[in-house]
Amino acid sequence: MFEYSMIISLKGRFRVKCLQSCALGRSGKLIQMTFLPPDSALILVGVMTQPRDLEIARLFGWYRIPLRFAPKVVNVDYLAFYHTAAFGEDLRWQIRYFAEVSGHELTTRAELLLDQPDHPRANEEYYKIQIGPLHALANPIRSENWRRITFLYTTGALFNRAMTGNDLVVRSEERDVLWRTLRERAENSGMYQSKETPDFSIDPAILFMLGDLDHLAEGGSFYMEDE
């Protein structure tokens, strides 16, 4: 039998406790269901730096990435969200929510956040990633020694079995498979030409996101906005 607790809302922040995976709909109500991504899914783990970003994802169904910090391939199947210290003790330094991706577009910060037309980065380009309802993991994927990270690609198979951030890292022979998938997504979206994506070498920037834990440990780079 599916069990869950109530959502507790306080000053734009909320908490969900689930014994199985559940979905958080636009109304803020839990959708009683058990759901995990397919093992074959391509997943991008993105950084959420402020609780407001989680509310935007839940209510409006999108997540933004500054173009200058964006990973090379955003045409993925799912987004998972890593929460920084700003989320407080209940959510910080873990992945609790994920959502299916329905599309993406390039826009500006001003067009995304209409209440901040005078922001210093108002005219900066952003990816707007459209997503479905947020799904909450029964057991959050905790960071262990991760604190500050970049974006990270992983697979549904790794994500569904992960207990810690290290479990998301794509290892050895799986990297070639994932790299080919990323190449195909990039080419199909028109981001690259075939000659720019060689068959038998892994782009260093992509390799970095496939699990270079030396750089993912605390002190590594990630983007932060004063929002």
C-alpha atoms as a PDB file:
ATOM      1  CA  MET A   1       0.000   0.000   0.000  1.00  0.00           C
ATOM      2  CA  PHE A   2       1.277   3.468  -0.936  1.00  0.00           C
ATOM      3  CA  GLU A   3       2.011   5.643   2.079  1.00  0.00           C
ATOM      4  CA  TYR A   4       2.935   9.307   2.242  1.00  0.00           C
ATOM      5  CA  SER A   5       2.946  12.282   4.579  1.00  0.00           C
ATOM      6  CA  MET A   6       1.492  15.724   4.054  1.00  0.00           C
ATOM      7  CA  ILE A   7       3.312  18.536   2.318  1.00  0.00           C
ATOM      8  CA  ILE A   8       4.452  21.171   4.760  1.00  0.00           C
ATOM      9  CA  SER A   9       4.629  24.658   3.201  1.00  0.00           C
ATOM     10  CA  LEU A  10       6.434  27.515   4.903  1.00  0.00           C
ATOM     11  CA  LYS A  11       7.543  30.752   3.223  1.00  0.00           C
ATOM     12  CA  GLY A  12       7.751  29.165  -0.192  1.00  0.00           C
ATOM     13  CA  ARG A  13       9.568  26.083   1.011  1.00  0.00           C
ATOM     14  CA  PHE A  14       8.086  22.637   1.296  1.00  0.00           C
ATOM     15  CA  ARG A  15       8.965  19.182   2.389  1.00  0.00           C
ATOM     16  CA  VAL A  16       7.707  15.834   1.163  1.00  0.00           C
ATOM     17  CA  LYS A  17       8.181  12.487   2.829  1.00  0.00           C
ATOM     18  CA  CYS A  18       7.411   9.394   0.740  1.00  0.00           C
ATOM     19  CA  LEU A  19       7.922   5.735   1.421  1.00  0.00           C
ATOM     20  CA  GLN A  20       7.753   5.113  -2.320  1.00  0.00           C
ATOM     21  CA  SER A  21       8.386   7.369  -5.283  1.00  0.00           C
ATOM     22  CA  CYS A  22       5.570   9.900  -5.712  1.00  0.00           C
ATOM     23  CA  ALA A  23       4.818  12.864  -7.946  1.00  0.00           C
ATOM     24  CA  LEU A  24       4.372  16.475  -6.886  1.00  0.00           C
ATOM     25  CA  GLY A  25       1.810  18.096  -9.168  1.00  0.00           C
ATOM     26  CA  ARG A  26       1.265  21.740 -10.047  1.00  0.00           C
ATOM     27  CA  SER A  27      -1.372  22.039  -7.299  1.00  0.00           C
ATOM     28  CA  GLY A  28       1.146  20.991  -4.683  1.00  0.00           C
ATOM     29  CA  LYS A  29      -0.659  17.704  -4.022  1.00  0.00           C
ATOM     30  CA  LEU A  30       1.029  14.344  -4.054  1.00  0.00           C
ATOM     31  CA  ILE A  31       0.076  12.074  -6.928  1.00  0.00           C
ATOM     32  CA  GLN A  32      -0.125   8.548  -5.544  1.00  0.00           C
ATOM     33  CA  MET A  33       2.019   6.458  -7.824  1.00  0.00           C
ATOM     34  CA  THR A  34       5.268   4.557  -8.026  1.00  0.00           C
ATOM     35  CA  PHE A  35       7.540   5.807 -10.784  1.00  0.00           C
ATOM     36  CA  LEU A  36      11.207   5.715 -11.722  1.00  0.00           C
ATOM     37  CA  PRO A  37      12.887   6.560 -15.035  1.00  0.00           C
ATOM     38  CA  PRO A  38      13.527   3.705 -17.495  1.00  0.00           C
ATOM     39  CA  ASP A  39      16.967   2.160 -17.129  1.00  0.00           C
ATOM     40  CA  SER A  40      17.781   3.381 -20.652  1.00  0.00           C
ATOM     41  CA  ALA A  41      16.943   7.018 -19.861  1.00  0.00           C
ATOM     42  CA  LEU A  42      19.544   9.754 -20.305  1.00  0.00           C
ATOM     43  CA  ILE A  43      19.482  11.914 -17.171  1.00  0.00           C
ATOM     44  CA  LEU A  44      21.068  15.278 -16.519  1.00  0.00           C
ATOM     45  CA  VAL A  45      21.645  16.177 -12.889  1.00  0.00           C
ATOM     46  CA  GLY A  46      21.296  19.942 -12.545  1.00  0.00           C
ATOM     47  CA  VAL A  47      22.026  22.290  -9.683  1.00  0.00           C
ATOM     48  CA  MET A  48      19.236  24.095  -7.831  1.00  0.00           C
ATOM     49  CA  THR A  49      20.697  26.978  -5.894  1.00  0.00           C
ATOM     50  CA  GLN A  50      17.571  28.512  -4.340  1.00  0.00           C
ATOM     51  CA  PRO A  51      14.218  27.197  -2.998  1.00  0.00           C
ATOM     52  CA  ARG A  52      12.471  29.545  -5.412  1.00  0.00           C
ATOM     53  CA  ASP A  53      13.814  27.453  -8.309  1.00  0.00           C
ATOM     54  CA  LEU A  54      12.065  24.394  -6.900  1.00  0.00           C
ATOM     55  CA  GLU A  55       8.789  26.306  -6.650  1.00  0.00           C
ATOM     56  CA  ILE A  56       9.134  27.475 -10.268  1.00  0.00           C
ATOM     57  CA  ALA A  57       9.764  23.902 -11.414  1.00  0.00           C
ATOM     58  CA  ARG A  58       6.748  22.640  -9.494  1.00  0.00           C
ATOM     59  CA  LEU A  59       4.276  25.402 -10.360  1.00  0.00           C
ATOM     60  CA  PHE A  60       5.339  26.428 -13.865  1.00  0.00           C
ATOM     61  CA  GLY A  61       7.113  23.346 -15.164  1.00  0.00           C
ATOM     62  CA  TRP A  62      10.486  24.690 -16.201  1.00  0.00           C
ATOM     63  CA  TYR A  63      14.119  24.900 -15.111  1.00  0.00           C
ATOM     64  CA  ARG A  64      16.677  27.382 -16.380  1.00  0.00           C
ATOM     65  CA  ILE A  65      20.368  27.059 -17.168  1.00  0.00           C
ATOM     66  CA  PRO A  66      22.556  30.032 -18.097  1.00  0.00           C
ATOM     67  CA  LEU A  67      23.889  29.394 -21.598  1.00  0.00           C
ATOM     68  CA  ARG A  68      27.436  30.227 -20.568  1.00  0.00           C
ATOM     69  CA  PHE A  69      27.369  27.468 -17.928  1.00  0.00           C
ATOM     70  CA  ALA A  70      25.184  24.979 -19.811  1.00  0.00           C
ATOM     71  CA  PRO A  71      26.336  21.437 -20.604  1.00  0.00           C
ATOM     72  CA  LYS A  72      26.825  20.722 -24.294  1.00  0.00           C
ATOM     73  CA  VAL A  73      23.745  18.490 -24.581  1.00  0.00           C
ATOM     74  CA  VAL A  74      20.441  19.498 -22.969  1.00  0.00           C
ATOM     75  CA  ASN A  75      18.308  17.170 -25.096  1.00  0.00           C
ATOM     76  CA  VAL A  76      17.911  14.615 -22.296  1.00  0.00           C
ATOM     77  CA  ASP A  77      15.048  12.427 -21.072  1.00  0.00           C
ATOM     78  CA  TYR A  78      14.960  13.517 -17.445  1.00  0.00           C
ATOM     79  CA  LEU A  79      16.314  16.189 -15.136  1.00  0.00           C
ATOM     80  CA  ALA A  80      17.282  15.428 -11.551  1.00  0.00           C
ATOM     81  CA  PHE A  81      17.935  18.244  -9.121  1.00  0.00           C
ATOM     82  CA  TYR A  82      20.830  18.591  -6.708  1.00  0.00           C
ATOM     83  CA  HIS A  83      20.012  20.986  -3.861  1.00  0.00           C
ATOM     84  CA  THR A  84      22.661  23.294  -2.416  1.00  0.00           C
ATOM     85  CA  ALA A  85      23.031  24.461   1.187  1.00  0.00           C
ATOM     86  CA  ALA A  86      20.373  27.151   0.633  1.00  0.00           C
ATOM     87  CA  PHE A  87      17.656  24.481   0.989  1.00  0.00           C
ATOM     88  CA  GLY A  88      18.335  23.890   4.649  1.00  0.00           C
ATOM     89  CA  GLU A  89      18.883  20.713   6.598  1.00  0.00           C
ATOM     90  CA  ASP A  90      16.020  18.709   5.076  1.00  0.00           C
ATOM     91  CA  LEU A  91      17.009  19.028   1.402  1.00  0.00           C
ATOM     92  CA  ARG A  92      20.558  20.320   1.148  1.00  0.00           C
ATOM     93  CA  TRP A  93      23.324  18.341  -0.536  1.00  0.00           C
ATOM     94  CA  GLN A  94      21.064  15.691  -1.992  1.00  0.00           C
ATOM     95  CA  ILE A  95      18.975  14.737  -5.006  1.00  0.00           C
ATOM     96  CA  ARG A  96      15.346  14.216  -4.033  1.00  0.00           C
ATOM     97  CA  TYR A  97      13.342  15.331  -7.083  1.00  0.00           C
ATOM     98  CA  PHE A  98      13.398  14.477 -10.775  1.00  0.00           C
ATOM     99  CA  ALA A  99      11.135  15.247 -13.719  1.00  0.00           C
ATOM    100  CA  GLU A 100      10.627  14.158 -17.310  1.00  0.00           C
ATOM    101  CA  VAL A 101      11.835  16.636 -19.948  1.00  0.00           C
ATOM    102  CA  SER A 102       9.326  17.675 -22.620  1.00  0.00           C
ATOM    103  CA  GLY A 103      11.428  20.206 -24.550  1.00  0.00           C
ATOM    104  CA  HIS A 104      13.763  23.178 -24.366  1.00  0.00           C
ATOM    105  CA  GLU A 105      14.236  26.620 -25.887  1.00  0.00           C
ATOM    106  CA  LEU A 106      16.744  29.447 -25.772  1.00  0.00           C
ATOM    107  CA  THR A 107      15.512  32.694 -24.245  1.00  0.00           C
ATOM    108  CA  THR A 108      16.707  35.498 -21.959  1.00  0.00           C
ATOM    109  CA  ARG A 109      16.620  35.865 -18.222  1.00  0.00           C
ATOM    110  CA  ALA A 110      14.316  38.876 -18.511  1.00  0.00           C
ATOM    111  CA  GLU A 111      11.772  36.801 -20.441  1.00  0.00           C
ATOM    112  CA  LEU A 112      11.888  34.075 -17.811  1.00  0.00           C
ATOM    113  CA  LEU A 113      11.752  36.272 -14.709  1.00  0.00           C
ATOM    114  CA  LEU A 114       9.435  39.138 -15.571  1.00  0.00           C
ATOM    115  CA  ASP A 115       9.661  40.640 -12.093  1.00  0.00           C
ATOM    116  CA  GLN A 116      13.403  41.315 -12.477  1.00  0.00           C
ATOM    117  CA  PRO A 117      13.748  43.426 -15.651  1.00  0.00           C
ATOM    118  CA  ASP A 118      16.665  45.413 -14.225  1.00  0.00           C
ATOM    119  CA  HIS A 119      18.744  42.455 -13.103  1.00  0.00           C
ATOM    120  CA  PRO A 120      22.410  42.769 -14.234  1.00  0.00           C
ATOM    121  CA  ARG A 121      22.008  39.597 -16.297  1.00  0.00           C
ATOM    122  CA  ALA A 122      18.546  40.410 -17.632  1.00  0.00           C
ATOM    123  CA  ASN A 123      19.678  40.130 -21.255  1.00  0.00           C
ATOM    124  CA  GLU A 124      21.809  37.045 -20.758  1.00  0.00           C
ATOM    125  CA  GLU A 125      20.748  33.932 -22.706  1.00  0.00           C
ATOM    126  CA  TYR A 126      19.330  30.961 -20.841  1.00  0.00           C
ATOM    127  CA  TYR A 127      18.044  27.522 -21.705  1.00  0.00           C
ATOM    128  CA  LYS A 128      14.468  27.055 -20.561  1.00  0.00           C
ATOM    129  CA  ILE A 129      13.982  23.326 -20.009  1.00  0.00           C
ATOM    130  CA  GLN A 130      10.314  22.339 -19.956  1.00  0.00           C
ATOM    131  CA  ILE A 131       9.502  19.553 -17.513  1.00  0.00           C
ATOM    132  CA  GLY A 132       6.572  17.521 -16.245  1.00  0.00           C
ATOM    133  CA  PRO A 133       5.508  16.996 -12.599  1.00  0.00           C
ATOM    134  CA  LEU A 134       8.214  16.597  -9.994  1.00  0.00           C
ATOM    135  CA  HIS A 135       8.705  13.050  -8.722  1.00  0.00           C
ATOM    136  CA  ALA A 136      10.121  12.561  -5.232  1.00  0.00           C
ATOM    137  CA  LEU A 137      12.510   9.719  -4.545  1.00  0.00           C
ATOM    138  CA  ALA A 138      11.650   7.532  -1.582  1.00  0.00           C
ATOM    139  CA  ASN A 139      15.327   7.542  -0.620  1.00  0.00           C
ATOM    140  CA  PRO A 140      17.180  10.731  -1.638  1.00  0.00           C
ATOM    141  CA  ILE A 141      20.565  10.357  -3.289  1.00  0.00           C
ATOM    142  CA  ARG A 142      22.912  11.974  -0.801  1.00  0.00           C
ATOM    143  CA  SER A 143      26.100  13.757  -1.694  1.00  0.00           C
ATOM    144  CA  GLU A 144      28.520  12.260   0.828  1.00  0.00           C
ATOM    145  CA  ASN A 145      31.551  14.523   0.265  1.00  0.00           C
ATOM    146  CA  TRP A 146      30.044  16.468  -2.662  1.00  0.00           C
ATOM    147  CA  ARG A 147      29.066  20.010  -1.846  1.00  0.00           C
ATOM    148  CA  ARG A 148      29.646  22.089  -4.963  1.00  0.00           C
ATOM    149  CA  ILE A 149      29.181  20.404  -8.322  1.00  0.00           C
ATOM    150  CA  THR A 150      28.703  21.098 -11.987  1.00  0.00           C
ATOM    151  CA  PHE A 151      26.162  19.302 -14.149  1.00  0.00           C
ATOM    152  CA  LEU A 152      26.416  15.544 -14.406  1.00  0.00           C
ATOM    153  CA  TYR A 153      25.106  13.032 -16.947  1.00  0.00           C
ATOM    154  CA  THR A 154      23.996   9.622 -15.766  1.00  0.00           C
ATOM    155  CA  THR A 155      21.720   6.777 -16.835  1.00  0.00           C
ATOM    156  CA  GLY A 156      18.365   5.616 -15.564  1.00  0.00           C
ATOM    157  CA  ALA A 157      19.907   2.320 -14.483  1.00  0.00           C
ATOM    158  CA  LEU A 158      22.473   4.063 -12.264  1.00  0.00           C
ATOM    159  CA  PHE A 159      20.000   6.654 -11.005  1.00  0.00           C
ATOM    160  CA  ASN A 160      17.395   4.081  -9.971  1.00  0.00           C
ATOM    161  CA  ARG A 161      19.892   2.170  -7.845  1.00  0.00           C
ATOM    162  CA  ALA A 162      21.964   5.061  -6.488  1.00  0.00           C
ATOM    163  CA  MET A 163      22.306   5.654  -2.765  1.00  0.00           C
ATOM    164  CA  THR A 164      24.999   8.329  -2.967  1.00  0.00           C
ATOM    165  CA  GLY A 165      26.328  10.714  -5.584  1.00  0.00           C
ATOM    166  CA  ASN A 166      29.235   8.414  -6.341  1.00  0.00           C
ATOM    167  CA  ASP A 167      26.772   5.779  -7.532  1.00  0.00           C
ATOM    168  CA  LEU A 168      25.706   8.071 -10.408  1.00  0.00           C
ATOM    169  CA  VAL A 169      29.155   8.137 -11.961  1.00  0.00           C
ATOM    170  CA  VAL A 170      29.370   6.419 -15.356  1.00  0.00           C
ATOM    171  CA  ARG A 171      32.304   4.021 -15.326  1.00  0.00           C
ATOM    172  CA  SER A 172      34.742   2.632 -17.913  1.00  0.00           C
ATOM    173  CA  GLU A 173      33.015   0.857 -20.821  1.00  0.00           C
ATOM    174  CA  GLU A 174      29.651   2.518 -20.090  1.00  0.00           C
ATOM    175  CA  ARG A 175      31.184   5.894 -20.888  1.00  0.00           C
ATOM    176  CA  ASP A 176      31.576   5.023 -24.557  1.00  0.00           C
ATOM    177  CA  VAL A 177      27.919   3.992 -24.762  1.00  0.00           C
ATOM    178  CA  LEU A 178      26.764   7.176 -23.071  1.00  0.00           C
ATOM    179  CA  TRP A 179      29.054   9.310 -25.215  1.00  0.00           C
ATOM    180  CA  ARG A 180      27.548   7.853 -28.378  1.00  0.00           C
ATOM    181  CA  THR A 181      24.075   8.602 -27.024  1.00  0.00           C
ATOM    182  CA  LEU A 182      25.087  12.195 -26.301  1.00  0.00           C
ATOM    183  CA  ARG A 183      26.557  12.535 -29.802  1.00  0.00           C
ATOM    184  CA  GLU A 184      23.333  11.303 -31.372  1.00  0.00           C
ATOM    185  CA  ARG A 185      21.239  13.698 -29.305  1.00  0.00           C
ATOM    186  CA  ALA A 186      23.511  16.602 -30.204  1.00  0.00           C
ATOM    187  CA  GLU A 187      23.460  15.805 -33.910  1.00  0.00           C
ATOM    188  CA  ASN A 188      19.684  15.249 -33.977  1.00  0.00           C
ATOM    189  CA  SER A 189      19.123  18.628 -32.340  1.00  0.00           C
ATOM    190  CA  GLY A 190      21.418  20.327 -34.863  1.00  0.00           C
ATOM    191  CA  MET A 191      23.910  21.423 -32.222  1.00  0.00           C
ATOM    192  CA  TYR A 192      26.880  19.785 -33.933  1.00  0.00           C
ATOM    193  CA  GLN A 193      27.871  18.362 -37.296  1.00  0.00           C
ATOM    194  CA  SER A 194      29.097  14.785 -37.503  1.00  0.00           C
ATOM    195  CA  LYS A 195      32.635  15.900 -38.250  1.00  0.00           C
ATOM    196  CA  GLU A 196      32.672  17.800 -34.953  1.00  0.00           C
ATOM    197  CA  THR A 197      31.804  14.710 -32.902  1.00  0.00           C
ATOM    198  CA  PRO A 198      34.343  11.953 -33.587  1.00  0.00           C
ATOM    199  CA  ASP A 199      33.352   8.336 -33.076  1.00  0.00           C
ATOM    200  CA  PHE A 200      36.201   7.078 -30.946  1.00  0.00           C
ATOM    201  CA  SER A 201      37.163   9.865 -28.598  1.00  0.00           C
ATOM    202  CA  ILE A 202      35.356  11.438 -25.709  1.00  0.00           C
ATOM    203  CA  ASP A 203      35.081  15.193 -25.567  1.00  0.00           C
ATOM    204  CA  PRO A 204      36.979  16.339 -22.431  1.00  0.00           C
ATOM    205  CA  ALA A 205      34.069  18.570 -21.407  1.00  0.00           C
ATOM    206  CA  ILE A 206      31.688  15.620 -21.639  1.00  0.00           C
ATOM    207  CA  LEU A 207      34.124  13.317 -19.857  1.00  0.00           C
ATOM    208  CA  PHE A 208      34.282  15.860 -17.048  1.00  0.00           C
ATOM    209  CA  MET A 209      30.541  15.483 -16.569  1.00  0.00           C
ATOM    210  CA  LEU A 210      30.646  11.704 -16.767  1.00  0.00           C
ATOM    211  CA  GLY A 211      32.182  11.492 -13.368  1.00  0.00           C
ATOM    212  CA  ASP A 212      35.523  13.165 -12.697  1.00  0.00           C
ATOM    213  CA  LEU A 213      35.047  13.058  -8.942  1.00  0.00           C
ATOM    214  CA  ASP A 214      38.283  14.909  -8.278  1.00  0.00           C
ATOM    215  CA  HIS A 215      36.548  17.958  -9.718  1.00  0.00           C
ATOM    216  CA  LEU A 216      33.124  17.201  -8.277  1.00  0.00           C
ATOM    217  CA  ALA A 217      34.350  17.293  -4.697  1.00  0.00           C
ATOM    218  CA  GLU A 218      33.935  20.382  -2.579  1.00  0.00           C
ATOM    219  CA  GLY A 219      35.657  23.339  -4.150  1.00  0.00           C
ATOM    220  CA  GLY A 220      34.787  22.289  -7.692  1.00  0.00           C
ATOM    221  CA  SER A 221      33.073  24.749  -9.993  1.00  0.00           C
ATOM    222  CA  PHE A 222      29.341  25.298 -10.257  1.00  0.00           C
ATOM    223  CA  TYR A 223      27.130  28.196 -11.135  1.00  0.00           C
ATOM    224  CA  MET A 224      25.454  30.357  -8.526  1.00  0.00           C
ATOM    225  CA  GLU A 225      23.049  33.224  -9.028  1.00  0.00           C
ATOM    226  CA  ASP A 226      22.001  35.847  -6.516  1.00  0.00           C
ATOM    227  CA  GLU A 227      18.296  35.268  -7.068  1.00  0.00           C
END
